[in-house]
Amino acid sequence: KVADQISDAVLDTLLEQDPDAHVACEAMVTTGMAV
């Protein structure tokens, strides 16, 4: 769910500026790192 929230936060940040943004953002989180 941390990963899901990161992906949707990126999406929201872009939609706020550009409603027509095309976004497919994946995330991975592990010890000390987010990708």
ModelCIF file with pLDDT and N, C-alpha, C, O atoms, coordinates in Angstrom:
data_MODEL
#
_entry.id   MODEL 
#
_entity.id                         1 
_entity.type                       polymer 
_entity.pdbx_number_of_molecules   1 
#
_entity_poly.entity_id                      1 
_entity_poly.type                           'polypeptide(L)' 
_entity_poly.nstd_linkage                   no 
_entity_poly.nstd_monomer                   no 
_entity_poly.pdbx_seq_one_letter_code       KVADQISDAVLDTLLEQDPDAHVACEAMVTTGMAV 
_entity_poly.pdbx_seq_one_letter_code_can   KVADQISDAVLDTLLEQDPDAHVACEAMVTTGMAV 
_entity_poly.pdbx_strand_id                 A 
#
loop_
_entity_poly_seq.entity_id 
_entity_poly_seq.num 
_entity_poly_seq.mon_id 
_entity_poly_seq.hetero 
1 1  LYS n 
1 2  VAL n 
1 3  ALA n 
1 4  ASP n 
1 5  GLN n 
1 6  ILE n 
1 7  SER n 
1 8  ASP n 
1 9  ALA n 
1 10 VAL n 
1 11 LEU n 
1 12 ASP n 
1 13 THR n 
1 14 LEU n 
1 15 LEU n 
1 16 GLU n 
1 17 GLN n 
1 18 ASP n 
1 19 PRO n 
1 20 ASP n 
1 21 ALA n 
1 22 HIS n 
1 23 VAL n 
1 24 ALA n 
1 25 CYS n 
1 26 GLU n 
1 27 ALA n 
1 28 MET n 
1 29 VAL n 
1 30 THR n 
1 31 THR n 
1 32 GLY n 
1 33 MET n 
1 34 ALA n 
1 35 VAL n 
#
_struct_asym.id          A 
_struct_asym.entity_id   1 
#
loop_
_ma_qa_metric.id 
_ma_qa_metric.mode 
_ma_qa_metric.name 
_ma_qa_metric.software_group_id 
_ma_qa_metric.type 
1 global pLDDT . pLDDT 
2 local  pLDDT . pLDDT 
#
_ma_qa_metric_global.metric_id      1 
_ma_qa_metric_global.metric_value   96.09 
_ma_qa_metric_global.model_id       1 
_ma_qa_metric_global.ordinal_id     1 
#
loop_
_ma_qa_metric_local.label_asym_id 
_ma_qa_metric_local.label_comp_id 
_ma_qa_metric_local.label_seq_id 
_ma_qa_metric_local.metric_id 
_ma_qa_metric_local.metric_value 
_ma_qa_metric_local.model_id 
_ma_qa_metric_local.ordinal_id 
A LYS 1  2 98.00 1 1  
A VAL 2  2 97.00 1 2  
A ALA 3  2 98.00 1 3  
A ASP 4  2 98.00 1 4  
A GLN 5  2 98.00 1 5  
A ILE 6  2 98.00 1 6  
A SER 7  2 98.00 1 7  
A ASP 8  2 98.00 1 8  
A ALA 9  2 98.00 1 9  
A VAL 10 2 97.00 1 10 
A LEU 11 2 97.00 1 11 
A ASP 12 2 98.00 1 12 
A THR 13 2 97.00 1 13 
A LEU 14 2 97.00 1 14 
A LEU 15 2 97.00 1 15 
A GLU 16 2 97.00 1 16 
A GLN 17 2 96.00 1 17 
A ASP 18 2 96.00 1 18 
A PRO 19 2 96.00 1 19 
A ASP 20 2 94.00 1 20 
A ALA 21 2 95.00 1 21 
A HIS 22 2 93.00 1 22 
A VAL 23 2 95.00 1 23 
A ALA 24 2 95.00 1 24 
A CYS 25 2 96.00 1 25 
A GLU 26 2 97.00 1 26 
A ALA 27 2 97.00 1 27 
A MET 28 2 97.00 1 28 
A VAL 29 2 96.00 1 29 
A THR 30 2 94.00 1 30 
A THR 31 2 90.00 1 31 
A GLY 32 2 89.00 1 32 
A MET 33 2 94.00 1 33 
A ALA 34 2 95.00 1 34 
A VAL 35 2 97.00 1 35 
#
loop_
_atom_site.group_PDB 
_atom_site.id 
_atom_site.type_symbol 
_atom_site.label_atom_id 
_atom_site.label_alt_id 
_atom_site.label_comp_id 
_atom_site.label_asym_id 
_atom_site.label_entity_id 
_atom_site.label_seq_id 
_atom_site.pdbx_PDB_ins_code 
_atom_site.Cartn_x 
_atom_site.Cartn_y 
_atom_site.Cartn_z 
_atom_site.occupancy 
_atom_site.B_iso_or_equiv 
_atom_site.pdbx_formal_charge 
_atom_site.auth_seq_id 
_atom_site.auth_comp_id 
_atom_site.auth_asym_id 
_atom_site.auth_atom_id 
_atom_site.pdbx_PDB_model_num 
ATOM 1   N N  . LYS A 1 1  ? 0.818  -1.212 0.000   1.00 98.00 ? 1  LYS A N  1 
ATOM 2   C CA . LYS A 1 1  ? 0.000  0.000  0.000   1.00 98.00 ? 1  LYS A CA 1 
ATOM 3   C C  . LYS A 1 1  ? 0.855  1.268  0.000   1.00 98.00 ? 1  LYS A C  1 
ATOM 4   O O  . LYS A 1 1  ? 0.435  2.293  -0.536  1.00 98.00 ? 1  LYS A O  1 
ATOM 5   N N  . VAL A 1 2  ? 2.041  1.210  0.591   1.00 97.00 ? 2  VAL A N  1 
ATOM 6   C CA . VAL A 1 2  ? 2.975  2.328  0.470   1.00 97.00 ? 2  VAL A CA 1 
ATOM 7   C C  . VAL A 1 2  ? 3.268  2.575  -1.011  1.00 97.00 ? 2  VAL A C  1 
ATOM 8   O O  . VAL A 1 2  ? 3.267  3.715  -1.476  1.00 97.00 ? 2  VAL A O  1 
ATOM 9   N N  . ALA A 1 3  ? 3.517  1.487  -1.742  1.00 98.00 ? 3  ALA A N  1 
ATOM 10  C CA . ALA A 1 3  ? 3.800  1.600  -3.179  1.00 98.00 ? 3  ALA A CA 1 
ATOM 11  C C  . ALA A 1 3  ? 2.597  2.153  -3.935  1.00 98.00 ? 3  ALA A C  1 
ATOM 12  O O  . ALA A 1 3  ? 2.753  3.024  -4.790  1.00 98.00 ? 3  ALA A O  1 
ATOM 13  N N  . ASP A 1 4  ? 1.400  1.659  -3.629  1.00 98.00 ? 4  ASP A N  1 
ATOM 14  C CA . ASP A 1 4  ? 0.189  2.171  -4.285  1.00 98.00 ? 4  ASP A CA 1 
ATOM 15  C C  . ASP A 1 4  ? 0.026  3.670  -4.044  1.00 98.00 ? 4  ASP A C  1 
ATOM 16  O O  . ASP A 1 4  ? -0.306 4.424  -4.959  1.00 98.00 ? 4  ASP A O  1 
ATOM 17  N N  . GLN A 1 5  ? 0.263  4.090  -2.806  1.00 98.00 ? 5  GLN A N  1 
ATOM 18  C CA . GLN A 1 5  ? 0.091  5.508  -2.475  1.00 98.00 ? 5  GLN A CA 1 
ATOM 19  C C  . GLN A 1 5  ? 1.111  6.391  -3.189  1.00 98.00 ? 5  GLN A C  1 
ATOM 20  O O  . GLN A 1 5  ? 0.789  7.503  -3.607  1.00 98.00 ? 5  GLN A O  1 
ATOM 21  N N  . ILE A 1 6  ? 2.326  5.902  -3.325  1.00 98.00 ? 6  ILE A N  1 
ATOM 22  C CA . ILE A 1 6  ? 3.341  6.659  -4.079  1.00 98.00 ? 6  ILE A CA 1 
ATOM 23  C C  . ILE A 1 6  ? 2.900  6.801  -5.537  1.00 98.00 ? 6  ILE A C  1 
ATOM 24  O O  . ILE A 1 6  ? 2.977  7.889  -6.107  1.00 98.00 ? 6  ILE A O  1 
ATOM 25  N N  . SER A 1 7  ? 2.441  5.710  -6.136  1.00 98.00 ? 7  SER A N  1 
ATOM 26  C CA . SER A 1 7  ? 2.014  5.750  -7.541  1.00 98.00 ? 7  SER A CA 1 
ATOM 27  C C  . SER A 1 7  ? 0.869  6.734  -7.743  1.00 98.00 ? 7  SER A C  1 
ATOM 28  O O  . SER A 1 7  ? 0.878  7.508  -8.700  1.00 98.00 ? 7  SER A O  1 
ATOM 29  N N  . ASP A 1 8  ? -0.112 6.711  -6.854  1.00 98.00 ? 8  ASP A N  1 
ATOM 30  C CA . ASP A 1 8  ? -1.259 7.620  -6.992  1.00 98.00 ? 8  ASP A CA 1 
ATOM 31  C C  . ASP A 1 8  ? -0.899 9.061  -6.638  1.00 98.00 ? 8  ASP A C  1 
ATOM 32  O O  . ASP A 1 8  ? -1.506 9.992  -7.168  1.00 98.00 ? 8  ASP A O  1 
ATOM 33  N N  . ALA A 1 9  ? 0.064  9.259  -5.761  1.00 98.00 ? 9  ALA A N  1 
ATOM 34  C CA . ALA A 1 9  ? 0.511  10.622 -5.449  1.00 98.00 ? 9  ALA A CA 1 
ATOM 35  C C  . ALA A 1 9  ? 1.188  11.259 -6.654  1.00 98.00 ? 9  ALA A C  1 
ATOM 36  O O  . ALA A 1 9  ? 0.983  12.441 -6.931  1.00 98.00 ? 9  ALA A O  1 
ATOM 37  N N  . VAL A 1 10 ? 1.989  10.484 -7.369  1.00 97.00 ? 10 VAL A N  1 
ATOM 38  C CA . VAL A 1 10 ? 2.605  10.984 -8.608  1.00 97.00 ? 10 VAL A CA 1 
ATOM 39  C C  . VAL A 1 10 ? 1.522  11.327 -9.620  1.00 97.00 ? 10 VAL A C  1 
ATOM 40  O O  . VAL A 1 10 ? 1.560  12.386 -10.247 1.00 97.00 ? 10 VAL A O  1 
ATOM 41  N N  . LEU A 1 11 ? 0.551  10.421 -9.776  1.00 97.00 ? 11 LEU A N  1 
ATOM 42  C CA . LEU A 1 11 ? -0.559 10.662 -10.707 1.00 97.00 ? 11 LEU A CA 1 
ATOM 43  C C  . LEU A 1 11 ? -1.305 11.948 -10.364 1.00 97.00 ? 11 LEU A C  1 
ATOM 44  O O  . LEU A 1 11 ? -1.548 12.773 -11.244 1.00 97.00 ? 11 LEU A O  1 
ATOM 45  N N  . ASP A 1 12 ? -1.669 12.128 -9.099  1.00 98.00 ? 12 ASP A N  1 
ATOM 46  C CA . ASP A 1 12 ? -2.415 13.319 -8.683  1.00 98.00 ? 12 ASP A CA 1 
ATOM 47  C C  . ASP A 1 12 ? -1.613 14.603 -8.904  1.00 98.00 ? 12 ASP A C  1 
ATOM 48  O O  . ASP A 1 12 ? -2.160 15.618 -9.336  1.00 98.00 ? 12 ASP A O  1 
ATOM 49  N N  . THR A 1 13 ? -0.327 14.551 -8.607  1.00 97.00 ? 13 THR A N  1 
ATOM 50  C CA . THR A 1 13 ? 0.524  15.728 -8.799  1.00 97.00 ? 13 THR A CA 1 
ATOM 51  C C  . THR A 1 13 ? 0.491  16.191 -10.252 1.00 97.00 ? 13 THR A C  1 
ATOM 52  O O  . THR A 1 13 ? 0.474  17.392 -10.523 1.00 97.00 ? 13 THR A O  1 
ATOM 53  N N  . LEU A 1 14 ? 0.482  15.253 -11.175 1.00 97.00 ? 14 LEU A N  1 
ATOM 54  C CA . LEU A 1 14 ? 0.478  15.600 -12.596 1.00 97.00 ? 14 LEU A CA 1 
ATOM 55  C C  . LEU A 1 14 ? -0.904 15.982 -13.096 1.00 97.00 ? 14 LEU A C  1 
ATOM 56  O O  . LEU A 1 14 ? -1.034 16.918 -13.884 1.00 97.00 ? 14 LEU A O  1 
ATOM 57  N N  . LEU A 1 15 ? -1.941 15.277 -12.655 1.00 97.00 ? 15 LEU A N  1 
ATOM 58  C CA . LEU A 1 15 ? -3.303 15.618 -13.084 1.00 97.00 ? 15 LEU A CA 1 
ATOM 59  C C  . LEU A 1 15 ? -3.720 17.007 -12.610 1.00 97.00 ? 15 LEU A C  1 
ATOM 60  O O  . LEU A 1 15 ? -4.510 17.690 -13.263 1.00 97.00 ? 15 LEU A O  1 
ATOM 61  N N  . GLU A 1 16 ? -3.181 17.409 -11.472 1.00 97.00 ? 16 GLU A N  1 
ATOM 62  C CA . GLU A 1 16 ? -3.497 18.741 -10.947 1.00 97.00 ? 16 GLU A CA 1 
ATOM 63  C C  . GLU A 1 16 ? -3.035 19.832 -11.912 1.00 97.00 ? 16 GLU A C  1 
ATOM 64  O O  . GLU A 1 16 ? -3.663 20.885 -12.017 1.00 97.00 ? 16 GLU A O  1 
ATOM 65  N N  . GLN A 1 17 ? -1.937 19.573 -12.611 1.00 96.00 ? 17 GLN A N  1 
ATOM 66  C CA . GLN A 1 17 ? -1.390 20.537 -13.563 1.00 96.00 ? 17 GLN A CA 1 
ATOM 67  C C  . GLN A 1 17 ? -1.871 20.281 -14.991 1.00 96.00 ? 17 GLN A C  1 
ATOM 68  O O  . GLN A 1 17 ? -2.045 21.213 -15.776 1.00 96.00 ? 17 GLN A O  1 
ATOM 69  N N  . ASP A 1 18 ? -2.082 19.015 -15.314 1.00 96.00 ? 18 ASP A N  1 
ATOM 70  C CA . ASP A 1 18 ? -2.394 18.620 -16.690 1.00 96.00 ? 18 ASP A CA 1 
ATOM 71  C C  . ASP A 1 18 ? -3.438 17.494 -16.668 1.00 96.00 ? 18 ASP A C  1 
ATOM 72  O O  . ASP A 1 18 ? -3.076 16.323 -16.554 1.00 96.00 ? 18 ASP A O  1 
ATOM 73  N N  . PRO A 1 19 ? -4.720 17.838 -16.778 1.00 96.00 ? 19 PRO A N  1 
ATOM 74  C CA . PRO A 1 19 ? -5.782 16.817 -16.717 1.00 96.00 ? 19 PRO A CA 1 
ATOM 75  C C  . PRO A 1 19 ? -5.674 15.752 -17.814 1.00 96.00 ? 19 PRO A C  1 
ATOM 76  O O  . PRO A 1 19 ? -6.245 14.668 -17.695 1.00 96.00 ? 19 PRO A O  1 
ATOM 77  N N  . ASP A 1 20 ? -4.939 16.072 -18.882 1.00 94.00 ? 20 ASP A N  1 
ATOM 78  C CA . ASP A 1 20 ? -4.779 15.114 -19.982 1.00 94.00 ? 20 ASP A CA 1 
ATOM 79  C C  . ASP A 1 20 ? -3.485 14.312 -19.883 1.00 94.00 ? 20 ASP A C  1 
ATOM 80  O O  . ASP A 1 20 ? -3.094 13.648 -20.844 1.00 94.00 ? 20 ASP A O  1 
ATOM 81  N N  . ALA A 1 21 ? -2.821 14.365 -18.738 1.00 95.00 ? 21 ALA A N  1 
ATOM 82  C CA . ALA A 1 21 ? -1.585 13.601 -18.557 1.00 95.00 ? 21 ALA A CA 1 
ATOM 83  C C  . ALA A 1 21 ? -1.838 12.115 -18.740 1.00 95.00 ? 21 ALA A C  1 
ATOM 84  O O  . ALA A 1 21 ? -2.848 11.585 -18.276 1.00 95.00 ? 21 ALA A O  1 
ATOM 85  N N  . HIS A 1 22 ? -0.923 11.456 -19.412 1.00 93.00 ? 22 HIS A N  1 
ATOM 86  C CA . HIS A 1 22 ? -0.960 10.006 -19.543 1.00 93.00 ? 22 HIS A CA 1 
ATOM 87  C C  . HIS A 1 22 ? 0.102  9.429  -18.616 1.00 93.00 ? 22 HIS A C  1 
ATOM 88  O O  . HIS A 1 22 ? 1.301  9.632  -18.810 1.00 93.00 ? 22 HIS A O  1 
ATOM 89  N N  . VAL A 1 23 ? -0.362 8.714  -17.617 1.00 95.00 ? 23 VAL A N  1 
ATOM 90  C CA . VAL A 1 23 ? 0.520  8.278  -16.533 1.00 95.00 ? 23 VAL A CA 1 
ATOM 91  C C  . VAL A 1 23 ? 0.360  6.782  -16.296 1.00 95.00 ? 23 VAL A C  1 
ATOM 92  O O  . VAL A 1 23 ? -0.754 6.271  -16.177 1.00 95.00 ? 23 VAL A O  1 
ATOM 93  N N  . ALA A 1 24 ? 1.485  6.097  -16.230 1.00 95.00 ? 24 ALA A N  1 
ATOM 94  C CA . ALA A 1 24 ? 1.526  4.709  -15.760 1.00 95.00 ? 24 ALA A CA 1 
ATOM 95  C C  . ALA A 1 24 ? 2.743  4.619  -14.850 1.00 95.00 ? 24 ALA A C  1 
ATOM 96  O O  . ALA A 1 24 ? 3.858  4.384  -15.317 1.00 95.00 ? 24 ALA A O  1 
ATOM 97  N N  . CYS A 1 25 ? 2.530  4.803  -13.564 1.00 96.00 ? 25 CYS A N  1 
ATOM 98  C CA . CYS A 1 25 ? 3.627  4.924  -12.604 1.00 96.00 ? 25 CYS A CA 1 
ATOM 99  C C  . CYS A 1 25 ? 3.607  3.750  -11.626 1.00 96.00 ? 25 CYS A C  1 
ATOM 100 O O  . CYS A 1 25 ? 2.627  3.545  -10.911 1.00 96.00 ? 25 CYS A O  1 
ATOM 101 N N  . GLU A 1 26 ? 4.675  2.998  -11.602 1.00 97.00 ? 26 GLU A N  1 
ATOM 102 C CA . GLU A 1 26 ? 4.817  1.860  -10.679 1.00 97.00 ? 26 GLU A CA 1 
ATOM 103 C C  . GLU A 1 26 ? 5.840  2.204  -9.607  1.00 97.00 ? 26 GLU A C  1 
ATOM 104 O O  . GLU A 1 26 ? 6.746  3.004  -9.836  1.00 97.00 ? 26 GLU A O  1 
ATOM 105 N N  . ALA A 1 27 ? 5.691  1.598  -8.442  1.00 97.00 ? 27 ALA A N  1 
ATOM 106 C CA . ALA A 1 27 ? 6.634  1.843  -7.355  1.00 97.00 ? 27 ALA A CA 1 
ATOM 107 C C  . ALA A 1 27 ? 7.028  0.536  -6.687  1.00 97.00 ? 27 ALA A C  1 
ATOM 108 O O  . ALA A 1 27 ? 6.262  -0.428 -6.661  1.00 97.00 ? 27 ALA A O  1 
ATOM 109 N N  . MET A 1 28 ? 8.234  0.527  -6.151  1.00 97.00 ? 28 MET A N  1 
ATOM 110 C CA . MET A 1 28 ? 8.719  -0.570 -5.322  1.00 97.00 ? 28 MET A CA 1 
ATOM 111 C C  . MET A 1 28 ? 9.383  0.026  -4.098  1.00 97.00 ? 28 MET A C  1 
ATOM 112 O O  . MET A 1 28 ? 10.170 0.966  -4.213  1.00 97.00 ? 28 MET A O  1 
ATOM 113 N N  . VAL A 1 29 ? 9.076  -0.508 -2.930  1.00 96.00 ? 29 VAL A N  1 
ATOM 114 C CA . VAL A 1 29 ? 9.704  -0.030 -1.705  1.00 96.00 ? 29 VAL A CA 1 
ATOM 115 C C  . VAL A 1 29 ? 10.315 -1.208 -0.961  1.00 96.00 ? 29 VAL A C  1 
ATOM 116 O O  . VAL A 1 29 ? 9.730  -2.288 -0.882  1.00 96.00 ? 29 VAL A O  1 
ATOM 117 N N  . THR A 1 30 ? 11.506 -0.975 -0.419  1.00 94.00 ? 30 THR A N  1 
ATOM 118 C CA . THR A 1 30 ? 12.182 -1.993 0.379   1.00 94.00 ? 30 THR A CA 1 
ATOM 119 C C  . THR A 1 30 ? 13.035 -1.268 1.413   1.00 94.00 ? 30 THR A C  1 
ATOM 120 O O  . THR A 1 30 ? 12.959 -0.044 1.510   1.00 94.00 ? 30 THR A O  1 
ATOM 121 N N  . THR A 1 31 ? 13.830 -1.975 2.174   1.00 90.00 ? 31 THR A N  1 
ATOM 122 C CA . THR A 1 31 ? 14.588 -1.360 3.257   1.00 90.00 ? 31 THR A CA 1 
ATOM 123 C C  . THR A 1 31 ? 15.400 -0.166 2.755   1.00 90.00 ? 31 THR A C  1 
ATOM 124 O O  . THR A 1 31 ? 16.310 -0.318 1.941   1.00 90.00 ? 31 THR A O  1 
ATOM 125 N N  . GLY A 1 32 ? 15.057 1.016  3.253   1.00 89.00 ? 32 GLY A N  1 
ATOM 126 C CA . GLY A 1 32 ? 15.822 2.220  2.942   1.00 89.00 ? 32 GLY A CA 1 
ATOM 127 C C  . GLY A 1 32 ? 15.733 2.721  1.522   1.00 89.00 ? 32 GLY A C  1 
ATOM 128 O O  . GLY A 1 32 ? 16.540 3.560  1.122   1.00 89.00 ? 32 GLY A O  1 
ATOM 129 N N  . MET A 1 33 ? 14.776 2.238  0.738   1.00 94.00 ? 33 MET A N  1 
ATOM 130 C CA . MET A 1 33 ? 14.771 2.591  -0.680  1.00 94.00 ? 33 MET A CA 1 
ATOM 131 C C  . MET A 1 33 ? 13.368 2.603  -1.262  1.00 94.00 ? 33 MET A C  1 
ATOM 132 O O  . MET A 1 33 ? 12.537 1.760  -0.924  1.00 94.00 ? 33 MET A O  1 
ATOM 133 N N  . ALA A 1 34 ? 13.112 3.572  -2.147  1.00 95.00 ? 34 ALA A N  1 
ATOM 134 C CA . ALA A 1 34 ? 11.894 3.609  -2.956  1.00 95.00 ? 34 ALA A CA 1 
ATOM 135 C C  . ALA A 1 34 ? 12.301 3.774  -4.416  1.00 95.00 ? 34 ALA A C  1 
ATOM 136 O O  . ALA A 1 34 ? 13.121 4.630  -4.749  1.00 95.00 ? 34 ALA A O  1 
ATOM 137 N N  . VAL A 1 35 ? 11.726 2.954  -5.276  1.00 97.00 ? 35 VAL A N  1 
ATOM 138 C CA . VAL A 1 35 ? 12.017 3.006  -6.708  1.00 97.00 ? 35 VAL A CA 1 
ATOM 139 C C  . VAL A 1 35 ? 10.721 3.285  -7.446  1.00 97.00 ? 35 VAL A C  1 
ATOM 140 O O  . VAL A 1 35 ? 10.716 3.374  -8.673  1.00 97.00 ? 35 VAL A O  1 
#
